[in-house]
């Protein structure tokens, strides 16, 4: 008996292809979210460095003032 190309075997392949497409879409979304997190982390590090430098500048200014120190 030959297998009909439109028979049961092909339906299974269609299901697998659908699953693969869904997984690929979810992985793409996850990669985009990860990229967004990386960019947010870089922005945080940059802002944190600026904040720390601002505190250092303020502490240097306070050392010059006798009333504050």
Protein backbone atom coordinates (compact mmCIF):
# COMPACT_ATOMS: atom_id res chain seq x y z
CA UNK A 1 0.00 0.00 0.00
CA UNK A 2 1.31 3.40 -0.96
CA UNK A 3 0.88 6.34 1.33
CA UNK A 4 -1.42 9.03 0.00
CA UNK A 5 0.44 12.40 -0.07
CA UNK A 6 -2.64 14.04 1.36
CA UNK A 7 -3.11 11.36 3.95
CA UNK A 8 -2.37 11.03 7.63
CA UNK A 9 1.42 11.29 7.33
CA UNK A 10 1.28 14.75 5.79
CA UNK A 11 -1.08 16.04 8.46
CA UNK A 12 1.59 15.23 11.05
CA UNK A 13 4.19 17.18 9.09
CA UNK A 14 1.87 20.18 8.87
CA UNK A 15 1.42 20.10 12.64
CA UNK A 16 5.18 19.99 13.17
CA UNK A 17 5.71 22.87 10.74
CA UNK A 18 3.10 24.91 12.61
CA UNK A 19 4.83 24.17 15.91
CA UNK A 20 8.21 25.17 14.45
CA UNK A 21 6.78 28.48 13.18
CA UNK A 22 5.26 29.21 16.60
CA UNK A 23 8.52 28.38 18.40
CA UNK A 24 10.47 30.55 15.97
CA UNK A 25 8.13 33.50 16.60
CA UNK A 26 8.47 33.09 20.37
CA UNK A 27 12.27 32.87 20.11
CA UNK A 28 12.35 36.03 17.98
CA UNK A 29 10.27 37.83 20.60
CA UNK A 30 12.58 36.61 23.35
CA UNK A 31 15.67 37.80 21.45
CA UNK A 32 14.09 41.26 21.03
CA UNK A 33 13.27 41.40 24.74
CA UNK A 34 16.81 40.37 25.60
CA UNK A 35 18.23 43.08 23.35
CA UNK A 36 15.99 45.61 25.06
CA UNK A 37 17.24 44.48 28.46
CA UNK A 38 20.85 44.82 27.32
CA UNK A 39 20.22 48.37 26.10
CA UNK A 40 18.43 49.23 29.35
CA UNK A 41 21.39 47.85 31.30
CA UNK A 42 23.80 50.00 29.32
CA UNK A 43 21.68 53.08 29.97
CA UNK A 44 21.58 52.22 33.69
CA UNK A 45 25.37 51.82 33.88
CA UNK A 46 25.87 55.13 32.10
CA UNK A 47 23.42 56.98 34.36
CA UNK A 48 24.95 55.36 37.44
CA UNK A 49 28.45 56.52 36.45
CA UNK A 50 27.18 60.07 35.97
CA UNK A 51 25.42 59.95 39.35
CA UNK A 52 28.52 58.67 41.15
CA UNK A 53 30.66 61.34 39.49
CA UNK A 54 28.14 63.97 40.60
CA UNK A 55 28.40 62.75 44.20
CA UNK A 56 32.21 62.85 43.97
CA UNK A 57 32.07 66.42 42.68
CA UNK A 58 29.71 67.39 45.48
CA UNK A 59 31.92 65.78 48.11
CA UNK A 60 34.95 67.68 46.75
CA UNK A 61 32.98 70.92 47.01
CA UNK A 62 31.98 70.09 50.57
CA UNK A 63 35.63 69.55 51.54
CA UNK A 64 36.36 73.15 50.50
CA UNK A 65 33.61 74.55 52.73
CA UNK A 66 34.66 74.79 56.38
CA UNK A 67 31.09 75.04 57.66
CA UNK A 68 30.05 71.82 55.94
CA UNK A 69 33.14 69.76 56.76
